[in-house]
Amino acid sequence: MTHLVDQAVLTETMDQFVDEWVQLDILNPGDIFVIGTSTSEVLGEKIGTVGSMDVAEVIFTSLQRLKAETGVKLAFQCCEHLNRALVVEKTTQKSLGKRPVTVIPHPHAGGSMATYSYQHMDEAVVIETIEADAGIDIGETMIGMHLLPVAVPLRFQTKFLNQARLAGAYSRPKLIGGVRAKYE
């Protein structure tokens, strides 16, 4: 079955979503920004069934603008067949002190988004874990395992990318103490 989706509409929606992130002004240069994506869900199908490199290209391109405008480091989550490992640039892997693993994502083990990012990032490598400062989940791929505590959900005007639900979160330091503690 061929799934047609208007690339221009996807691009416009992703650009609106990126604009909302930029306007929040909570991302800092060097922050890790994790992206979980089901291109199948974007196409209106069950996660992991009909991935699309064309959809991945639109998402990747928009997120390159987020990277350029905020200075974040992008980490693209692989699918469950690679245990939700992450595609990052080698400079990110080195700065985090993470050891790379030996695998090359492809659409049926890693997913279309991880595959596309692996093919288009500067010196892409795969790592097993990360502690991200913020991130987005496109199609309910469950990025929570990669966020630092305490994850704070965000509400956006842009709620869907075609058929996939969009969710975002950032992390904040834990609030500790009791009735005498001050946080500001």
N, C-alpha and C. Protein backbone atom coordinates (compact mmCIF):
# COMPACT_ATOMS: atom_id res chain seq x y z
N MET A 1 0.84 -1.18 0.00
CA MET A 1 0.00 0.00 0.00
C MET A 1 0.89 1.24 0.00
N THR A 2 0.60 2.19 -0.85
CA THR A 2 1.34 3.44 -0.92
C THR A 2 0.64 4.46 -0.04
N HIS A 3 1.43 5.12 0.78
CA HIS A 3 0.89 6.15 1.67
C HIS A 3 1.33 7.51 1.16
N LEU A 4 0.37 8.29 0.73
CA LEU A 4 0.68 9.62 0.24
C LEU A 4 0.45 10.63 1.35
N VAL A 5 1.40 11.51 1.49
CA VAL A 5 1.27 12.58 2.47
C VAL A 5 1.87 13.83 1.85
N ASP A 6 1.26 14.95 2.06
CA ASP A 6 1.71 16.21 1.48
C ASP A 6 2.97 16.68 2.21
N GLN A 7 4.11 16.59 1.53
CA GLN A 7 5.40 16.98 2.12
C GLN A 7 5.38 18.43 2.58
N ALA A 8 4.73 19.30 1.81
CA ALA A 8 4.68 20.72 2.17
C ALA A 8 3.93 20.93 3.48
N VAL A 9 2.85 20.19 3.66
CA VAL A 9 2.08 20.31 4.91
C VAL A 9 2.89 19.77 6.08
N LEU A 10 3.57 18.64 5.89
CA LEU A 10 4.44 18.10 6.95
C LEU A 10 5.52 19.10 7.32
N THR A 11 6.15 19.69 6.32
CA THR A 11 7.20 20.67 6.57
C THR A 11 6.66 21.86 7.34
N GLU A 12 5.52 22.37 6.93
CA GLU A 12 4.91 23.52 7.60
C GLU A 12 4.60 23.18 9.07
N THR A 13 4.05 21.99 9.31
CA THR A 13 3.71 21.59 10.67
C THR A 13 4.96 21.43 11.52
N MET A 14 5.98 20.78 11.00
CA MET A 14 7.23 20.62 11.75
C MET A 14 7.87 21.97 12.03
N ASP A 15 7.84 22.86 11.06
CA ASP A 15 8.42 24.20 11.27
C ASP A 15 7.66 24.96 12.35
N GLN A 16 6.33 24.81 12.39
CA GLN A 16 5.55 25.45 13.46
C GLN A 16 5.95 24.88 14.82
N PHE A 17 6.13 23.56 14.87
CA PHE A 17 6.51 22.89 16.13
C PHE A 17 7.89 23.37 16.58
N VAL A 18 8.83 23.46 15.65
CA VAL A 18 10.17 23.96 15.99
C VAL A 18 10.08 25.41 16.46
N ASP A 19 9.27 26.22 15.79
CA ASP A 19 9.09 27.62 16.23
C ASP A 19 8.59 27.68 17.67
N GLU A 20 7.65 26.81 18.02
CA GLU A 20 7.14 26.79 19.40
C GLU A 20 8.26 26.47 20.39
N TRP A 21 9.11 25.50 20.05
CA TRP A 21 10.24 25.16 20.92
C TRP A 21 11.17 26.35 21.09
N VAL A 22 11.50 26.99 19.98
CA VAL A 22 12.42 28.14 20.04
C VAL A 22 11.82 29.25 20.89
N GLN A 23 10.54 29.52 20.73
CA GLN A 23 9.87 30.59 21.48
C GLN A 23 9.81 30.31 22.98
N LEU A 24 9.82 29.04 23.36
CA LEU A 24 9.83 28.70 24.80
C LEU A 24 11.09 29.21 25.49
N ASP A 25 12.18 29.29 24.73
CA ASP A 25 13.45 29.79 25.25
C ASP A 25 13.93 29.01 26.48
N ILE A 26 13.79 27.68 26.44
CA ILE A 26 14.25 26.84 27.55
C ILE A 26 15.42 25.95 27.14
N LEU A 27 15.73 25.94 25.85
CA LEU A 27 16.84 25.11 25.37
C LEU A 27 18.12 25.93 25.37
N ASN A 28 19.20 25.32 25.84
CA ASN A 28 20.49 26.00 25.93
C ASN A 28 21.50 25.32 25.03
N PRO A 29 22.49 26.07 24.55
CA PRO A 29 23.55 25.45 23.76
C PRO A 29 24.17 24.28 24.51
N GLY A 30 24.33 23.16 23.82
CA GLY A 30 24.91 21.97 24.43
C GLY A 30 23.90 21.04 25.06
N ASP A 31 22.65 21.49 25.25
CA ASP A 31 21.63 20.59 25.79
C ASP A 31 21.44 19.41 24.84
N ILE A 32 21.14 18.26 25.42
CA ILE A 32 20.83 17.08 24.62
C ILE A 32 19.32 17.07 24.37
N PHE A 33 18.96 16.93 23.09
CA PHE A 33 17.56 16.94 22.68
C PHE A 33 17.27 15.61 21.99
N VAL A 34 16.46 14.77 22.63
CA VAL A 34 16.17 13.44 22.11
C VAL A 34 14.88 13.46 21.28
N ILE A 35 14.91 12.70 20.19
CA ILE A 35 13.77 12.64 19.28
C ILE A 35 13.36 11.19 19.10
N GLY A 36 12.14 10.87 19.45
CA GLY A 36 11.56 9.56 19.17
C GLY A 36 10.51 9.75 18.10
N THR A 37 10.56 8.94 17.05
CA THR A 37 9.66 9.15 15.92
C THR A 37 9.17 7.82 15.35
N SER A 38 7.88 7.76 15.12
CA SER A 38 7.32 6.69 14.30
C SER A 38 6.81 7.32 13.02
N THR A 39 7.55 7.12 11.94
CA THR A 39 7.07 7.64 10.66
C THR A 39 5.82 6.89 10.22
N SER A 40 5.65 5.66 10.68
CA SER A 40 4.42 4.90 10.40
C SER A 40 3.22 5.62 10.99
N GLU A 41 3.34 6.06 12.24
CA GLU A 41 2.25 6.78 12.90
C GLU A 41 1.94 8.09 12.18
N VAL A 42 2.98 8.77 11.70
CA VAL A 42 2.76 10.00 10.93
C VAL A 42 1.87 9.69 9.72
N LEU A 43 2.08 8.53 9.12
CA LEU A 43 1.29 8.12 7.95
C LEU A 43 -0.07 7.54 8.32
N GLY A 44 -0.37 7.47 9.61
CA GLY A 44 -1.67 6.97 10.04
C GLY A 44 -1.73 5.47 10.23
N GLU A 45 -0.56 4.83 10.31
CA GLU A 45 -0.50 3.38 10.47
C GLU A 45 0.09 3.01 11.82
N LYS A 46 0.00 1.74 12.17
CA LYS A 46 0.53 1.24 13.43
C LYS A 46 2.05 1.40 13.46
N ILE A 47 2.56 1.79 14.60
CA ILE A 47 3.99 1.98 14.79
C ILE A 47 4.77 0.76 14.28
N GLY A 48 5.84 1.03 13.53
CA GLY A 48 6.72 -0.03 13.06
C GLY A 48 6.24 -0.82 11.85
N THR A 49 5.24 -0.30 11.13
CA THR A 49 4.70 -1.12 10.04
C THR A 49 5.01 -0.61 8.63
N VAL A 50 5.07 0.70 8.42
CA VAL A 50 5.25 1.21 7.05
C VAL A 50 6.19 2.42 7.01
N GLY A 51 7.24 2.40 7.74
CA GLY A 51 8.14 3.55 7.84
C GLY A 51 8.40 4.27 6.53
N SER A 52 8.78 5.55 6.65
CA SER A 52 8.97 6.38 5.47
C SER A 52 10.23 7.23 5.61
N MET A 53 11.16 7.04 4.67
CA MET A 53 12.36 7.87 4.65
C MET A 53 12.00 9.30 4.23
N ASP A 54 10.96 9.48 3.43
CA ASP A 54 10.53 10.83 3.03
C ASP A 54 10.03 11.62 4.24
N VAL A 55 9.24 10.98 5.09
CA VAL A 55 8.77 11.63 6.31
C VAL A 55 9.96 11.92 7.23
N ALA A 56 10.87 10.97 7.34
CA ALA A 56 12.06 11.17 8.18
C ALA A 56 12.87 12.37 7.69
N GLU A 57 12.97 12.54 6.38
CA GLU A 57 13.72 13.68 5.83
C GLU A 57 13.11 15.01 6.26
N VAL A 58 11.80 15.11 6.21
CA VAL A 58 11.12 16.35 6.62
C VAL A 58 11.42 16.65 8.08
N ILE A 59 11.28 15.65 8.94
CA ILE A 59 11.51 15.84 10.37
C ILE A 59 12.96 16.21 10.63
N PHE A 60 13.88 15.48 10.03
CA PHE A 60 15.31 15.73 10.22
C PHE A 60 15.67 17.16 9.81
N THR A 61 15.18 17.59 8.66
CA THR A 61 15.49 18.92 8.15
C THR A 61 14.99 20.01 9.10
N SER A 62 13.78 19.87 9.60
CA SER A 62 13.24 20.86 10.54
C SER A 62 14.05 20.88 11.84
N LEU A 63 14.47 19.70 12.29
CA LEU A 63 15.22 19.63 13.55
C LEU A 63 16.64 20.16 13.38
N GLN A 64 17.16 20.17 12.17
CA GLN A 64 18.45 20.81 11.93
C GLN A 64 18.35 22.31 12.20
N ARG A 65 17.20 22.89 11.89
CA ARG A 65 16.99 24.31 12.20
C ARG A 65 16.91 24.54 13.71
N LEU A 66 16.24 23.62 14.43
CA LEU A 66 16.21 23.73 15.89
C LEU A 66 17.63 23.70 16.45
N LYS A 67 18.43 22.79 15.94
CA LYS A 67 19.83 22.67 16.35
C LYS A 67 20.58 23.98 16.08
N ALA A 68 20.41 24.53 14.89
CA ALA A 68 21.12 25.75 14.50
C ALA A 68 20.70 26.94 15.35
N GLU A 69 19.41 27.03 15.66
CA GLU A 69 18.90 28.20 16.38
C GLU A 69 19.10 28.13 17.88
N THR A 70 19.24 26.93 18.45
CA THR A 70 19.36 26.81 19.91
C THR A 70 20.70 26.26 20.37
N GLY A 71 21.42 25.59 19.49
CA GLY A 71 22.70 24.99 19.87
C GLY A 71 22.57 23.64 20.54
N VAL A 72 21.39 23.01 20.48
CA VAL A 72 21.22 21.69 21.10
C VAL A 72 21.96 20.64 20.30
N LYS A 73 22.21 19.51 20.96
CA LYS A 73 22.78 18.33 20.31
C LYS A 73 21.65 17.33 20.15
N LEU A 74 21.45 16.84 18.93
CA LEU A 74 20.33 15.95 18.63
C LEU A 74 20.71 14.49 18.85
N ALA A 75 19.74 13.74 19.38
CA ALA A 75 19.88 12.29 19.58
C ALA A 75 18.60 11.64 19.08
N PHE A 76 18.71 10.83 18.05
CA PHE A 76 17.54 10.18 17.43
C PHE A 76 17.40 8.76 17.96
N GLN A 77 16.26 8.50 18.61
CA GLN A 77 16.00 7.19 19.22
C GLN A 77 15.69 6.15 18.15
N CYS A 78 16.34 5.00 18.26
CA CYS A 78 16.03 3.85 17.41
C CYS A 78 14.78 3.14 17.93
N CYS A 79 14.25 2.24 17.14
CA CYS A 79 13.08 1.48 17.55
C CYS A 79 13.45 0.39 18.56
N GLU A 80 12.44 -0.32 19.00
CA GLU A 80 12.64 -1.33 20.04
C GLU A 80 13.55 -2.47 19.60
N HIS A 81 13.68 -2.71 18.28
CA HIS A 81 14.53 -3.80 17.81
C HIS A 81 16.01 -3.52 18.03
N LEU A 82 16.35 -2.26 18.28
CA LEU A 82 17.72 -1.89 18.68
C LEU A 82 17.71 -1.37 20.12
N ASN A 83 16.72 -1.82 20.89
CA ASN A 83 16.60 -1.48 22.31
C ASN A 83 16.59 0.01 22.58
N ARG A 84 16.03 0.78 21.65
CA ARG A 84 15.91 2.23 21.79
C ARG A 84 17.27 2.93 21.93
N ALA A 85 18.29 2.32 21.31
CA ALA A 85 19.60 2.97 21.25
C ALA A 85 19.44 4.31 20.52
N LEU A 86 20.49 5.11 20.46
CA LEU A 86 20.38 6.46 19.93
C LEU A 86 21.46 6.77 18.91
N VAL A 87 21.06 7.48 17.86
CA VAL A 87 22.00 7.95 16.85
C VAL A 87 22.39 9.38 17.22
N VAL A 88 23.68 9.60 17.38
CA VAL A 88 24.22 10.92 17.70
C VAL A 88 25.44 11.18 16.83
N GLU A 89 25.88 12.43 16.82
CA GLU A 89 27.13 12.74 16.15
C GLU A 89 28.29 12.29 17.03
N LYS A 90 29.38 11.92 16.40
CA LYS A 90 30.54 11.43 17.14
C LYS A 90 31.03 12.46 18.17
N THR A 91 30.95 13.74 17.84
CA THR A 91 31.37 14.77 18.81
C THR A 91 30.49 14.74 20.06
N THR A 92 29.21 14.47 19.89
CA THR A 92 28.30 14.35 21.04
C THR A 92 28.66 13.12 21.85
N GLN A 93 28.86 12.01 21.20
CA GLN A 93 29.22 10.76 21.87
C GLN A 93 30.49 10.96 22.70
N LYS A 94 31.48 11.60 22.11
CA LYS A 94 32.75 11.82 22.81
C LYS A 94 32.56 12.77 23.99
N SER A 95 31.81 13.85 23.80
CA SER A 95 31.63 14.83 24.88
C SER A 95 30.87 14.24 26.06
N LEU A 96 30.03 13.25 25.80
CA LEU A 96 29.27 12.59 26.86
C LEU A 96 30.04 11.44 27.50
N GLY A 97 31.17 11.06 26.91
CA GLY A 97 31.95 9.93 27.44
C GLY A 97 31.25 8.60 27.25
N LYS A 98 30.43 8.50 26.23
CA LYS A 98 29.69 7.25 25.95
C LYS A 98 30.49 6.40 24.97
N ARG A 99 30.39 5.09 25.14
CA ARG A 99 31.02 4.17 24.20
C ARG A 99 30.03 3.86 23.08
N PRO A 100 30.49 3.93 21.83
CA PRO A 100 29.58 3.57 20.73
C PRO A 100 29.36 2.06 20.69
N VAL A 101 28.26 1.67 20.09
CA VAL A 101 28.00 0.26 19.85
C VAL A 101 28.08 0.03 18.34
N THR A 102 28.27 -1.22 17.96
CA THR A 102 28.42 -1.55 16.55
C THR A 102 27.10 -2.01 15.98
N VAL A 103 26.46 -1.11 15.25
CA VAL A 103 25.21 -1.42 14.56
C VAL A 103 24.95 -0.29 13.57
N ILE A 104 24.33 -0.63 12.48
CA ILE A 104 23.90 0.37 11.51
C ILE A 104 22.38 0.28 11.42
N PRO A 105 21.68 1.31 11.88
CA PRO A 105 20.21 1.27 11.79
C PRO A 105 19.74 1.14 10.34
N HIS A 106 18.66 0.42 10.16
CA HIS A 106 17.99 0.36 8.86
C HIS A 106 16.49 0.36 9.16
N PRO A 107 15.66 0.57 8.15
CA PRO A 107 14.23 0.75 8.42
C PRO A 107 13.56 -0.35 9.25
N HIS A 108 14.05 -1.60 9.19
CA HIS A 108 13.39 -2.67 9.92
C HIS A 108 14.09 -3.02 11.23
N ALA A 109 15.16 -2.35 11.56
CA ALA A 109 15.84 -2.50 12.85
C ALA A 109 16.51 -1.17 13.14
N GLY A 110 15.76 -0.32 13.79
CA GLY A 110 16.21 1.03 14.07
C GLY A 110 15.12 2.02 13.70
N GLY A 111 14.48 1.75 12.58
CA GLY A 111 13.40 2.61 12.11
C GLY A 111 13.88 3.61 11.07
N SER A 112 12.94 4.16 10.34
CA SER A 112 13.27 5.09 9.26
C SER A 112 13.93 6.36 9.76
N MET A 113 13.46 6.88 10.90
CA MET A 113 14.04 8.13 11.41
C MET A 113 15.49 7.92 11.83
N ALA A 114 15.77 6.86 12.56
CA ALA A 114 17.14 6.57 12.98
C ALA A 114 18.02 6.29 11.77
N THR A 115 17.47 5.59 10.80
CA THR A 115 18.22 5.28 9.58
C THR A 115 18.58 6.56 8.84
N TYR A 116 17.61 7.42 8.66
CA TYR A 116 17.85 8.68 7.94
C TYR A 116 18.87 9.53 8.69
N SER A 117 18.72 9.65 10.00
CA SER A 117 19.66 10.47 10.77
C SER A 117 21.07 9.87 10.72
N TYR A 118 21.17 8.55 10.78
CA TYR A 118 22.48 7.90 10.71
C TYR A 118 23.16 8.21 9.37
N GLN A 119 22.38 8.26 8.32
CA GLN A 119 22.92 8.52 6.99
C GLN A 119 23.25 9.98 6.74
N HIS A 120 22.66 10.90 7.53
CA HIS A 120 22.81 12.32 7.23
C HIS A 120 23.48 13.16 8.32
N MET A 121 23.72 12.62 9.48
CA MET A 121 24.43 13.36 10.52
C MET A 121 25.92 13.37 10.22
N ASP A 122 26.62 14.34 10.78
CA ASP A 122 28.08 14.37 10.67
C ASP A 122 28.66 13.28 11.55
N GLU A 123 29.36 12.32 10.94
CA GLU A 123 29.99 11.22 11.67
C GLU A 123 29.06 10.59 12.70
N ALA A 124 27.98 10.02 12.23
CA ALA A 124 26.98 9.40 13.11
C ALA A 124 27.54 8.14 13.76
N VAL A 125 27.18 7.97 15.03
CA VAL A 125 27.47 6.75 15.78
C VAL A 125 26.22 6.40 16.57
N VAL A 126 26.17 5.17 17.07
CA VAL A 126 25.05 4.73 17.89
C VAL A 126 25.56 4.47 19.29
N ILE A 127 24.81 4.99 20.28
CA ILE A 127 25.10 4.74 21.68
C ILE A 127 23.87 4.10 22.32
N GLU A 128 24.06 3.45 23.46
CA GLU A 128 22.94 2.73 24.07
C GLU A 128 22.04 3.58 24.95
N THR A 129 22.61 4.57 25.64
CA THR A 129 21.81 5.35 26.58
C THR A 129 22.21 6.82 26.52
N ILE A 130 21.33 7.63 27.04
CA ILE A 130 21.60 9.07 27.12
C ILE A 130 20.72 9.65 28.22
N GLU A 131 21.10 10.79 28.73
CA GLU A 131 20.28 11.52 29.69
C GLU A 131 20.04 12.89 29.09
N ALA A 132 18.90 13.02 28.40
CA ALA A 132 18.60 14.22 27.64
C ALA A 132 17.95 15.29 28.50
N ASP A 133 18.18 16.53 28.09
CA ASP A 133 17.61 17.69 28.78
C ASP A 133 16.18 17.97 28.33
N ALA A 134 15.85 17.56 27.11
CA ALA A 134 14.53 17.82 26.55
C ALA A 134 14.33 16.89 25.35
N GLY A 135 13.11 16.89 24.82
CA GLY A 135 12.89 16.07 23.64
C GLY A 135 11.48 16.10 23.14
N ILE A 136 11.30 15.45 22.00
CA ILE A 136 9.98 15.31 21.41
C ILE A 136 9.70 13.85 21.09
N ASP A 137 8.44 13.54 21.15
CA ASP A 137 7.96 12.20 20.85
C ASP A 137 6.91 12.35 19.77
N ILE A 138 7.20 11.80 18.60
CA ILE A 138 6.29 11.88 17.47
C ILE A 138 5.71 10.48 17.25
N GLY A 139 4.45 10.31 17.63
CA GLY A 139 3.80 9.02 17.45
C GLY A 139 3.91 8.09 18.64
N GLU A 140 4.07 8.66 19.82
CA GLU A 140 4.08 7.90 21.08
C GLU A 140 5.10 6.77 21.10
N THR A 141 6.36 7.14 20.90
CA THR A 141 7.45 6.17 20.89
C THR A 141 8.12 6.01 22.24
N MET A 142 7.69 6.76 23.24
CA MET A 142 8.15 6.63 24.62
C MET A 142 9.61 7.02 24.82
N ILE A 143 9.89 8.31 24.77
CA ILE A 143 11.25 8.81 24.96
C ILE A 143 11.62 8.98 26.43
N GLY A 144 10.68 8.77 27.33
CA GLY A 144 10.90 9.04 28.75
C GLY A 144 12.14 8.39 29.33
N MET A 145 12.51 7.21 28.84
CA MET A 145 13.67 6.51 29.37
C MET A 145 14.96 7.27 29.11
N HIS A 146 14.92 8.26 28.20
CA HIS A 146 16.12 9.00 27.85
C HIS A 146 16.15 10.41 28.44
N LEU A 147 15.16 10.79 29.23
CA LEU A 147 15.12 12.13 29.81
C LEU A 147 15.66 12.13 31.24
N LEU A 148 16.36 13.20 31.57
CA LEU A 148 16.81 13.38 32.95
C LEU A 148 15.60 13.57 33.85
N PRO A 149 15.72 13.15 35.12
CA PRO A 149 14.66 13.52 36.05
C PRO A 149 14.84 15.01 36.39
N VAL A 150 13.87 15.75 36.55
CA VAL A 150 12.44 15.50 36.57
C VAL A 150 11.89 15.95 35.23
N ALA A 151 11.21 15.05 34.51
CA ALA A 151 10.64 15.40 33.21
C ALA A 151 9.36 16.22 33.41
N VAL A 152 9.29 17.33 32.68
CA VAL A 152 8.13 18.22 32.75
C VAL A 152 7.47 18.24 31.38
N PRO A 153 6.22 17.75 31.28
CA PRO A 153 5.54 17.75 29.98
C PRO A 153 5.23 19.18 29.53
N LEU A 154 5.25 19.37 28.23
CA LEU A 154 4.93 20.67 27.64
C LEU A 154 3.67 20.56 26.81
N ARG A 155 2.93 21.64 26.75
CA ARG A 155 1.71 21.69 25.93
C ARG A 155 2.00 22.61 24.75
N PHE A 156 1.68 22.15 23.55
CA PHE A 156 1.94 22.91 22.34
C PHE A 156 0.65 23.17 21.59
N GLN A 157 0.65 24.22 20.78
CA GLN A 157 -0.46 24.48 19.87
C GLN A 157 -0.49 23.40 18.78
N THR A 158 0.70 23.01 18.33
CA THR A 158 0.83 21.98 17.31
C THR A 158 0.76 20.63 17.99
N LYS A 159 -0.34 19.91 17.81
CA LYS A 159 -0.57 18.68 18.55
C LYS A 159 -0.36 17.40 17.73
N PHE A 160 -0.36 17.54 16.41
CA PHE A 160 -0.20 16.37 15.53
C PHE A 160 0.71 16.70 14.36
N LEU A 161 1.49 15.72 13.93
CA LEU A 161 2.20 15.78 12.67
C LEU A 161 1.48 14.77 11.78
N ASN A 162 0.63 15.28 10.91
CA ASN A 162 -0.29 14.46 10.13
C ASN A 162 -1.13 13.63 11.12
N GLN A 163 -0.92 12.30 11.20
CA GLN A 163 -1.71 11.46 12.09
C GLN A 163 -1.03 11.13 13.42
N ALA A 164 0.21 11.56 13.60
CA ALA A 164 0.97 11.21 14.81
C ALA A 164 0.86 12.30 15.88
N ARG A 165 0.56 11.87 17.08
CA ARG A 165 0.49 12.79 18.21
C ARG A 165 1.90 13.33 18.50
N LEU A 166 1.99 14.64 18.79
CA LEU A 166 3.25 15.27 19.16
C LEU A 166 3.25 15.56 20.65
N ALA A 167 4.32 15.20 21.30
CA ALA A 167 4.47 15.50 22.73
C ALA A 167 5.89 15.98 22.96
N GLY A 168 6.05 16.80 23.95
CA GLY A 168 7.39 17.29 24.29
C GLY A 168 7.55 17.38 25.78
N ALA A 169 8.81 17.40 26.20
CA ALA A 169 9.12 17.54 27.62
C ALA A 169 10.51 18.13 27.76
N TYR A 170 10.73 18.76 28.90
CA TYR A 170 12.07 19.18 29.27
C TYR A 170 12.31 18.70 30.68
N SER A 171 13.53 18.76 31.13
CA SER A 171 13.81 18.30 32.49
C SER A 171 14.26 19.48 33.34
N ARG A 172 13.99 19.38 34.61
CA ARG A 172 14.41 20.40 35.57
C ARG A 172 15.06 19.69 36.75
N PRO A 173 15.91 20.40 37.49
CA PRO A 173 16.49 19.78 38.69
C PRO A 173 15.40 19.41 39.69
N LYS A 174 15.67 18.41 40.50
CA LYS A 174 14.73 18.00 41.54
C LYS A 174 14.56 19.13 42.56
N LEU A 175 13.36 19.28 43.07
CA LEU A 175 13.10 20.20 44.18
C LEU A 175 13.23 19.38 45.46
N ILE A 176 14.17 19.73 46.30
CA ILE A 176 14.37 18.97 47.53
C ILE A 176 14.14 19.87 48.72
N GLY A 177 13.97 19.29 49.87
CA GLY A 177 13.78 20.06 51.08
C GLY A 177 12.37 19.87 51.63
N GLY A 178 12.00 20.76 52.46
CA GLY A 178 10.70 20.67 53.09
C GLY A 178 10.08 22.05 53.17
N VAL A 179 9.34 22.28 54.25
CA VAL A 179 8.59 23.54 54.38
C VAL A 179 9.52 24.74 54.46
N ARG A 180 10.78 24.56 54.85
CA ARG A 180 11.71 25.70 54.96
C ARG A 180 12.48 25.96 53.67
N ALA A 181 12.40 25.09 52.73
CA ALA A 181 13.17 25.22 51.49
C ALA A 181 12.66 26.36 50.63
N LYS A 182 13.58 27.01 49.92
CA LYS A 182 13.25 28.04 48.96
C LYS A 182 13.77 27.61 47.60
N TYR A 183 13.02 27.88 46.56
CA TYR A 183 13.39 27.43 45.22
C TYR A 183 13.70 28.55 44.26
N GLU A 184 13.45 29.77 44.61
CA GLU A 184 13.74 30.91 43.71
C GLU A 184 14.88 31.72 44.26
